[in-house]
Amino acid sequence: MDPMDLSRRQFLGATAAVSGLWLGGSGHHNQLVAAEAPMLKGKGALTVLSKTPLVMETPLEKLAAERITSKEWLFIRNNQDRQEAASLEPVSPAGWKIELTGLINRPAVLDAAKLAEWTQVEHELVLQCSGNSRSLYSKFSPTEGTQWGRGGFGNVKFRGVPLSTVLDKLEVKINPEAKFLTADGRDLPPAGKQDFEHSLRISDALENSFLALEMNGEPIPAIHGGPVRLITPGFFATMNIKWLASLRFEAKETTVNHQMPRYRMPLHPIALGEKYEFTFENSRPNWAMNVKSVTLLPAPESKVPAGLVKVQGVAFNDGAAKIDSVLVSLDGGQTWRPAMLEPGQGTYAWTRWSFNAMLPAGRHEILARASDALGRTQPLDGATFWNPHGYEWNAVEGIAIECV
């Protein structure tokens, strides 16, 4: 079997003993740079995890308050900063060119302004950093990279032109030997560093990817990738390239360090703390998202009145199947009861859920576990898929609260 086709689903069904359950706290790690320090005009009081490159996390109560995450509260994760993009204002597509090169019948240059004239699609979808919740992995064994809490995601609407339509309009034909699409943005690396770019399978790109011009019904803000961002619904945000400048059709994945060894997962679970030499043969990229639920309210370690406590959260996956259940446990995983699911807003959007718990005074742990129609679910043991990069956390989380 091609390692690329070794589905994450083969391991997501595995679960460990409840005794290994991660009963985490707030998820806010002691490496946070600062709290409530807006770095951009118009952004709310996001948690600043890094100033260079800019990384900002959304407070969970803000995610709970909005079905569509507003631009003011959407997280930011830059691998490379673009000075001209340090703004929530839009960028005009006029004069913005996107090059198409590689294994195609002829090179082409797309004038981004033309996209507005062509047939558009719109998807409501979850945008999530691959490292979201990394600090929870680090409770088991240290991980590399920015120590995200749980707010590195949001639910937004993107609108744009399917890649397949762009190719048709430009009369571009892909050669059969081309297997990967490599996308690059107009951001630049620090001196001496490799440029940030990513590859995905051409088959996925032709089926799902589109060149987005709008987010939440308006031009994409500069900080979020405007004027044009490559969007592949259901994929981790790192694959949704901002400030799109070029598309290369190639036989193999790019070999820049951002594709290898960064943004890779071992093909099989590894031991806690294990050093892992990533290769194309023993790993896979962070493409499609796994099944995940996040409890948004009440906040971890919060104090709430005893009695009826409304628990709220969201669940999502890669869009291959609908989220069909979220189960909640109040007794450490011994028994589980179904949460109420709100009607879905699209294949790739999050599913909002709620659960009414009668809780006496004292300390309690709330567990929530999502499953989808393909039978994929969340591991009970947070250490199951530990990896040195700290990617793709999706374990069942224990939210500790005190009822008074």
Foldseek 3Di string as FASTA:
>chain_A
DQLQPLDPLVPLLDADDLVQFAADFQLDDPQFPAFQDDPEPLAGGFGFLDVVVTWTFAALVQQVVDLARDPNRATFDDPFDDVVQRYQAFDDLAPAWEWEDAQKPDIDIDSVVCFVVDDKDKDWFKAAAQQASLLSLVVQPAADDGSHGHGRMGIKMWMTAQPLVVCVVRVIGGDPLFFKKKWFAPGDDPPPADGQIWIDTPVQSNVFKGWTQDMRPHGGRSSLAPRTWIDGFQFHNSNTGGRTHYIYGHNDIDPGVCFPPNQKAFSAADDHPDDDHDDSRGIYGRTGAAKAKDWSPPRFAEEAAAFKDKTKIKIFTSLPFAWDWKWKDWPSPPDTDTWDWDDDPGSRRIIMTMDIDHGGFFKIWMWIKIAGPVGRIAYSRQSRRNDNNSGRRHHIYIGMYGHD
